[in-house]
Amino acid sequence: MPQLKSSPRTCDKGHIFYKSSNCPVCPVCEAGKPINYTLWIGLAAPARRALASKGITNVNILSQFTEEEILALHGMGKSSIPLLKKALVIAGKILGKRAIQLNKLTNNC
């Protein structure tokens, strides 16, 4: 697979960084940010940013989304789903309505 060419970018704070994708996040700025939500500790930074971009800041909001909707977010990977499901279980919640229907179908098989 050919390697993508990185291009130099400058963030609003003047940091110069290189990216081979269209992701606008400055790694220097991102590294300096504290993790605001203990719920997201353990998630990779792209996954945390993906959730934050949709305003998903707690399990109540997270439970309104289906697994498919979460996975469709740019930066969210399959390895994040078990961590999110664990946080939901601890809070006594599950992923959105369609996920409930899928879980019922798989439990009856």
Protein backbone atom coordinates (compact mmCIF):
# COMPACT_ATOMS: atom_id res chain seq x y z
CA MET A 1 0.00 0.00 0.00
CA PRO A 2 1.50 3.37 -0.96
CA GLN A 3 2.35 5.72 1.86
CA LEU A 4 0.35 8.96 1.89
CA LYS A 5 2.31 12.16 1.62
CA SER A 6 2.22 14.35 4.73
CA SER A 7 1.56 18.03 4.34
CA PRO A 8 2.64 20.76 6.76
CA ARG A 9 -0.08 22.61 8.62
CA THR A 10 -0.22 25.38 11.19
CA CYS A 11 -2.87 25.59 13.89
CA ASP A 12 -4.43 28.79 15.26
CA LYS A 13 -1.82 28.84 18.05
CA GLY A 14 1.06 28.69 15.56
CA HIS A 15 2.11 25.05 16.03
CA ILE A 16 3.48 23.47 12.86
CA PHE A 17 2.54 19.82 12.37
CA TYR A 18 2.28 17.31 9.53
CA LYS A 19 -0.79 15.28 8.54
CA SER A 20 -1.45 12.85 5.73
CA SER A 21 -5.22 12.93 6.29
CA ASN A 22 -7.75 15.75 6.32
CA CYS A 23 -7.95 15.66 10.14
CA PRO A 24 -7.56 19.28 11.32
CA VAL A 25 -6.53 18.47 14.92
CA CYS A 26 -3.17 19.84 16.05
CA PRO A 27 -1.36 17.09 18.00
CA VAL A 28 0.50 19.65 20.13
CA CYS A 29 -2.73 21.36 21.23
CA GLU A 30 -4.47 18.03 21.74
CA ALA A 31 -1.69 16.65 23.95
CA GLY A 32 -2.06 19.65 26.24
CA LYS A 33 -5.79 19.17 26.81
CA PRO A 34 -6.94 17.41 29.97
CA ILE A 35 -9.44 14.60 29.64
CA ASN A 36 -12.63 16.32 30.77
CA TYR A 37 -14.76 13.23 31.26
CA THR A 38 -13.62 10.31 33.39
CA LEU A 39 -16.06 8.22 31.36
CA TRP A 40 -13.73 8.50 28.38
CA ILE A 41 -10.48 7.55 30.16
CA GLY A 42 -9.06 4.57 28.29
CA LEU A 43 -10.46 5.66 24.94
CA ALA A 44 -8.03 6.74 22.25
CA ALA A 45 -7.90 10.48 21.59
CA PRO A 46 -9.59 10.21 18.15
CA ALA A 47 -12.49 8.33 19.76
CA ARG A 48 -12.85 10.96 22.52
CA ARG A 49 -12.84 13.72 19.90
CA ALA A 50 -15.43 11.85 17.83
CA LEU A 51 -17.78 11.66 20.81
CA ALA A 52 -17.18 15.28 21.77
CA SER A 53 -17.88 16.42 18.20
CA LYS A 54 -21.44 15.06 18.55
CA GLY A 55 -21.92 16.43 22.07
CA ILE A 56 -21.73 12.99 23.65
CA THR A 57 -20.43 13.91 27.10
CA ASN A 58 -22.10 11.35 29.36
CA VAL A 59 -23.76 7.92 29.36
CA ASN A 60 -27.27 9.40 29.19
CA ILE A 61 -26.45 11.02 25.85
CA LEU A 62 -24.40 8.01 24.69
CA SER A 63 -27.35 5.67 25.32
CA GLN A 64 -29.41 7.57 22.73
CA PHE A 65 -27.10 6.41 19.92
CA THR A 66 -26.91 2.99 18.31
CA GLU A 67 -23.66 1.08 17.99
CA GLU A 68 -23.77 1.65 14.23
CA GLU A 69 -24.11 5.42 14.72
CA ILE A 70 -21.18 5.49 17.13
CA LEU A 71 -18.98 3.42 14.79
CA ALA A 72 -19.85 5.77 11.90
CA LEU A 73 -18.19 8.70 13.69
CA HIS A 74 -14.83 9.70 12.23
CA GLY A 75 -12.17 8.54 14.69
CA MET A 76 -14.25 5.85 16.38
CA GLY A 77 -12.95 2.30 16.08
CA LYS A 78 -14.32 -1.12 16.99
CA SER A 79 -11.98 -1.37 19.98
CA SER A 80 -13.79 1.56 21.63
CA ILE A 81 -17.19 -0.13 21.70
CA PRO A 82 -16.42 -2.56 24.58
CA LEU A 83 -15.17 0.34 26.72
CA LEU A 84 -18.30 2.36 25.98
CA LYS A 85 -20.56 -0.62 26.66
CA LYS A 86 -18.81 -1.19 29.99
CA ALA A 87 -19.43 2.44 30.98
CA LEU A 88 -23.09 2.03 30.00
CA VAL A 89 -23.47 -1.20 32.02
CA ILE A 90 -21.96 0.47 35.09
CA ALA A 91 -24.55 3.25 34.71
CA GLY A 92 -27.39 0.77 34.11
CA LYS A 93 -27.85 1.82 30.48
CA ILE A 94 -27.42 0.31 27.01
CA LEU A 95 -26.88 1.70 23.52
CA GLY A 96 -29.83 3.08 21.55
CA LYS A 97 -33.17 1.51 20.60
CA ARG A 98 -32.02 -0.35 17.51
CA ALA A 99 -29.18 -1.86 19.54
CA ILE A 100 -31.77 -3.17 22.04
CA GLN A 101 -33.68 -4.88 19.22
CA LEU A 102 -30.46 -6.43 17.89
CA ASN A 103 -29.54 -7.69 21.37
CA LYS A 104 -32.99 -9.30 21.77
CA LEU A 105 -32.60 -11.03 18.41
CA THR A 106 -29.18 -12.43 19.26
CA ASN A 107 -30.29 -13.60 22.72
CA ASN A 108 -33.13 -15.66 21.22
CA CYS A 109 -30.89 -17.61 18.83
